[in-house]
Amino acid sequence: MSGMKDIEKLIRENVDFFNSEEPFEGHFERFSARLEARQFVAPRRVNITPHLLKAAAVAIMITLSSLWTWEHVLSPDANKMTLSEVSPEYREVEQYYVHQVSLMVDEIEGIWINGQPEDKQILMDELEEMDKTYEDLQEDLKANPNDERVINAMVEHYQRKVEVMNYILSQLKEIQNNNENQINNENYETVRL
């Protein structure tokens, strides 16, 4: 830092000497030519296309290997097989029952508005237990894809689940009707008084 102060001091002390001298002839032309030469030199272009292609290839390989690993190793359904994988006829059967069960679950949840939360949880736990039984059947089907006994057991499971849910719905509707009748009777008695 003191070197800079020394140079600055030297320049200030000799200002007249520096201002009296002129640069050599042609200095400004040479300086301008050098500046222009630098302006017209095209910047060196780096071609990144090969690098991008390599990166894309690596990304595709990683994606494909991840998908394969998920599908064949990590997927929770890797060791299960559904009815729809057996044949198109069973796919229709499975879609029908899955749709029926879904509609019934929605209806149960709609009716259950005035029900006890504990009762609803017990019911949902029972339905989940039925689903676990079905998952066991899916694993059996994966191990024995052509075993008619397993396929029939899966269809019967759906039938039984729909029957149970129909029974639950009818009971819930009956309870709901009884509750509504009781409320209506209480309201009638209150109005009559």
Protein backbone atom coordinates (compact mmCIF):
# COMPACT_ATOMS: atom_id res chain seq x y z
CA MET A 1 0.00 0.00 0.00
CA SER A 2 2.86 2.39 0.74
CA GLY A 3 4.15 1.74 -2.82
CA MET A 4 0.99 3.26 -4.26
CA LYS A 5 1.32 6.31 -2.05
CA ASP A 6 4.92 6.70 -3.20
CA ILE A 7 3.89 6.59 -6.88
CA GLU A 8 1.09 9.06 -6.26
CA LYS A 9 3.52 11.37 -4.46
CA LEU A 10 6.02 11.07 -7.35
CA ILE A 11 3.35 12.00 -9.89
CA ARG A 12 2.15 15.01 -7.88
CA GLU A 13 5.67 16.33 -7.45
CA ASN A 14 6.42 16.01 -11.18
CA VAL A 15 3.12 17.10 -12.70
CA ASP A 16 4.75 19.65 -14.97
CA PHE A 17 7.13 17.06 -16.43
CA PHE A 18 4.31 14.59 -17.16
CA ASN A 19 2.06 17.25 -18.68
CA SER A 20 4.77 18.77 -20.91
CA GLU A 21 5.76 15.62 -22.76
CA GLU A 22 3.76 14.23 -25.65
CA PRO A 23 3.60 10.54 -26.62
CA PHE A 24 5.63 9.39 -29.59
CA GLU A 25 4.23 9.92 -33.05
CA GLY A 26 1.58 7.31 -34.04
CA HIS A 27 0.92 6.27 -30.44
CA PHE A 28 -2.80 7.06 -30.58
CA GLU A 29 -3.22 5.21 -33.92
CA ARG A 30 -1.45 2.09 -32.59
CA PHE A 31 -3.52 2.22 -29.42
CA SER A 32 -6.79 2.53 -31.40
CA ALA A 33 -5.78 -0.33 -33.69
CA ARG A 34 -5.12 -2.59 -30.73
CA LEU A 35 -8.50 -1.71 -29.20
CA GLU A 36 -10.31 -2.43 -32.46
CA ALA A 37 -8.48 -5.74 -32.85
CA ARG A 38 -9.65 -6.82 -29.43
CA GLN A 39 -13.26 -5.85 -30.20
CA PHE A 40 -13.41 -7.96 -33.35
CA VAL A 41 -11.87 -11.08 -31.91
CA ALA A 42 -14.79 -13.43 -31.54
CA PRO A 43 -15.07 -14.87 -28.08
CA ARG A 44 -14.09 -18.48 -27.92
CA ARG A 45 -17.24 -20.57 -28.08
CA VAL A 46 -17.48 -23.66 -26.00
CA ASN A 47 -19.69 -26.31 -27.50
CA ILE A 48 -21.72 -27.76 -24.62
CA THR A 49 -23.88 -30.04 -26.76
CA PRO A 50 -21.78 -33.17 -26.11
CA HIS A 51 -21.87 -32.47 -22.39
CA LEU A 52 -25.63 -31.96 -22.45
CA LEU A 53 -26.12 -35.19 -24.39
CA LYS A 54 -24.04 -37.09 -21.85
CA ALA A 55 -25.98 -35.56 -18.96
CA ALA A 56 -29.30 -36.39 -20.65
CA ALA A 57 -28.21 -39.99 -21.23
CA VAL A 58 -27.20 -40.34 -17.58
CA ALA A 59 -30.50 -38.81 -16.43
CA ILE A 60 -32.48 -41.19 -18.64
CA MET A 61 -30.53 -44.20 -17.36
CA ILE A 62 -31.06 -43.15 -13.74
CA THR A 63 -34.78 -42.59 -14.34
CA LEU A 64 -35.25 -45.93 -16.06
CA SER A 65 -33.32 -47.84 -13.42
CA SER A 66 -35.28 -46.08 -10.67
CA LEU A 67 -38.58 -46.97 -12.32
CA TRP A 68 -37.50 -50.58 -12.78
CA THR A 69 -36.34 -50.79 -9.16
CA TRP A 70 -39.62 -49.32 -7.92
CA GLU A 71 -41.72 -51.59 -10.09
CA HIS A 72 -39.87 -54.83 -9.31
CA VAL A 73 -38.36 -54.35 -5.88
CA LEU A 74 -39.69 -51.47 -3.79
CA SER A 75 -43.32 -51.23 -4.86
CA PRO A 76 -45.72 -52.41 -2.18
CA ASP A 77 -47.65 -54.20 -4.91
CA ALA A 78 -44.60 -55.94 -6.39
CA ASN A 79 -45.53 -59.26 -4.79
CA LYS A 80 -49.27 -58.91 -5.46
CA MET A 81 -51.46 -59.60 -8.47
CA THR A 82 -54.96 -58.32 -9.13
CA LEU A 83 -57.84 -60.00 -10.90
CA SER A 84 -57.51 -57.54 -13.77
CA GLU A 85 -54.09 -59.02 -14.54
CA VAL A 86 -55.59 -62.49 -15.00
CA SER A 87 -57.99 -61.76 -17.86
CA PRO A 88 -60.25 -59.05 -19.32
CA GLU A 89 -63.35 -60.78 -17.88
CA TYR A 90 -61.93 -60.67 -14.37
CA ARG A 91 -60.92 -57.05 -14.94
CA GLU A 92 -64.61 -56.20 -15.48
CA VAL A 93 -65.59 -58.18 -12.38
CA GLU A 94 -62.97 -56.42 -10.29
CA GLN A 95 -63.93 -52.98 -11.59
CA TYR A 96 -67.59 -53.65 -10.81
CA TYR A 97 -66.92 -54.71 -7.22
CA VAL A 98 -64.38 -51.95 -6.56
CA HIS A 99 -66.93 -49.42 -7.79
CA GLN A 100 -69.71 -50.93 -5.64
CA VAL A 101 -67.51 -50.94 -2.54
CA SER A 102 -66.48 -47.33 -3.18
CA LEU A 103 -70.10 -46.22 -3.52
CA MET A 104 -71.04 -48.00 -0.32
CA VAL A 105 -68.15 -46.51 1.65
CA ASP A 106 -69.24 -43.04 0.48
CA GLU A 107 -72.83 -43.79 1.48
CA ILE A 108 -71.78 -45.12 4.89
CA GLU A 109 -69.73 -42.00 5.54
CA GLY A 110 -72.70 -39.83 4.50
CA ILE A 111 -75.13 -41.63 6.81
CA TRP A 112 -72.72 -41.77 9.68
CA ILE A 113 -72.81 -38.03 10.31
CA ASN A 114 -74.70 -38.41 13.61
CA GLY A 115 -72.94 -41.62 14.64
CA GLN A 116 -70.37 -42.11 17.35
CA PRO A 117 -66.76 -41.68 16.18
CA GLU A 118 -65.69 -44.82 18.08
CA ASP A 119 -68.32 -46.91 16.29
CA LYS A 120 -67.26 -45.53 12.94
CA GLN A 121 -63.62 -46.36 13.70
CA ILE A 122 -64.53 -49.94 14.65
CA LEU A 123 -66.44 -50.33 11.39
CA MET A 124 -63.59 -48.89 9.31
CA ASP A 125 -61.09 -51.15 11.11
CA GLU A 126 -63.23 -54.17 10.19
CA LEU A 127 -63.33 -53.09 6.56
CA GLU A 128 -59.55 -52.64 6.60
CA GLU A 129 -59.22 -56.15 8.03
CA MET A 130 -61.24 -57.42 5.08
CA ASP A 131 -58.85 -55.56 2.78
CA LYS A 132 -55.87 -57.25 4.43
CA THR A 133 -57.47 -60.61 3.71
CA TYR A 134 -57.82 -59.58 0.09
CA GLU A 135 -54.16 -58.51 -0.02
CA ASP A 136 -53.21 -62.00 1.18
CA LEU A 137 -55.26 -63.42 -1.68
CA GLN A 138 -53.44 -61.11 -4.10
CA GLU A 139 -50.12 -62.49 -2.91
CA ASP A 140 -51.44 -66.04 -3.35
CA LEU A 141 -52.54 -65.16 -6.88
CA LYS A 142 -49.08 -63.77 -7.67
CA ALA A 143 -47.57 -67.08 -6.53
CA ASN A 144 -50.20 -69.17 -8.41
CA PRO A 145 -51.62 -67.07 -11.28
CA ASN A 146 -53.61 -69.92 -12.84
CA ASP A 147 -55.13 -71.30 -9.64
CA GLU A 148 -58.91 -71.09 -10.04
CA ARG A 149 -59.40 -71.58 -6.29
CA VAL A 150 -57.54 -68.35 -5.54
CA ILE A 151 -59.41 -66.46 -8.29
CA ASN A 152 -62.77 -67.74 -7.01
CA ALA A 153 -61.79 -66.84 -3.45
CA MET A 154 -61.03 -63.28 -4.59
CA VAL A 155 -64.40 -62.96 -6.34
CA GLU A 156 -66.17 -64.44 -3.30
CA HIS A 157 -64.32 -61.99 -1.09
CA TYR A 158 -65.70 -59.09 -3.10
CA GLN A 159 -69.20 -60.60 -3.01
CA ARG A 160 -69.02 -61.10 0.75
CA LYS A 161 -67.69 -57.58 1.29
CA VAL A 162 -70.55 -56.10 -0.74
CA GLU A 163 -73.08 -58.21 1.22
CA VAL A 164 -71.61 -57.10 4.55
CA MET A 165 -71.60 -53.47 3.47
CA ASN A 166 -75.22 -53.75 2.26
CA TYR A 167 -76.18 -55.14 5.67
CA ILE A 168 -74.30 -52.33 7.43
CA LEU A 169 -75.98 -49.74 5.22
CA SER A 170 -79.45 -51.15 5.91
CA GLN A 171 -78.76 -51.14 9.66
CA LEU A 172 -77.42 -47.59 9.56
CA LYS A 173 -80.40 -46.39 7.56
CA GLU A 174 -82.75 -48.06 10.05
CA ILE A 175 -80.96 -46.39 12.97
CA GLN A 176 -81.03 -43.06 11.18
CA ASN A 177 -84.77 -43.41 10.47
CA ASN A 178 -85.42 -44.31 14.11
CA ASN A 179 -83.43 -41.29 15.27
CA GLU A 180 -85.30 -39.01 12.86
CA ASN A 181 -88.67 -40.41 13.99
CA GLN A 182 -87.70 -39.93 17.62
CA ILE A 183 -86.66 -36.32 16.96
CA ASN A 184 -89.87 -35.68 15.02
CA ASN A 185 -91.94 -37.16 17.88
CA GLU A 186 -90.11 -35.01 20.44
CA ASN A 187 -90.67 -31.92 18.29
CA TYR A 188 -94.37 -32.81 17.93
CA GLU A 189 -94.70 -33.26 21.70
CA THR A 190 -92.94 -29.95 22.31
CA VAL A 191 -95.22 -28.12 19.87
CA ARG A 192 -98.32 -29.77 21.35
CA LEU A 193 -97.49 -28.55 24.84
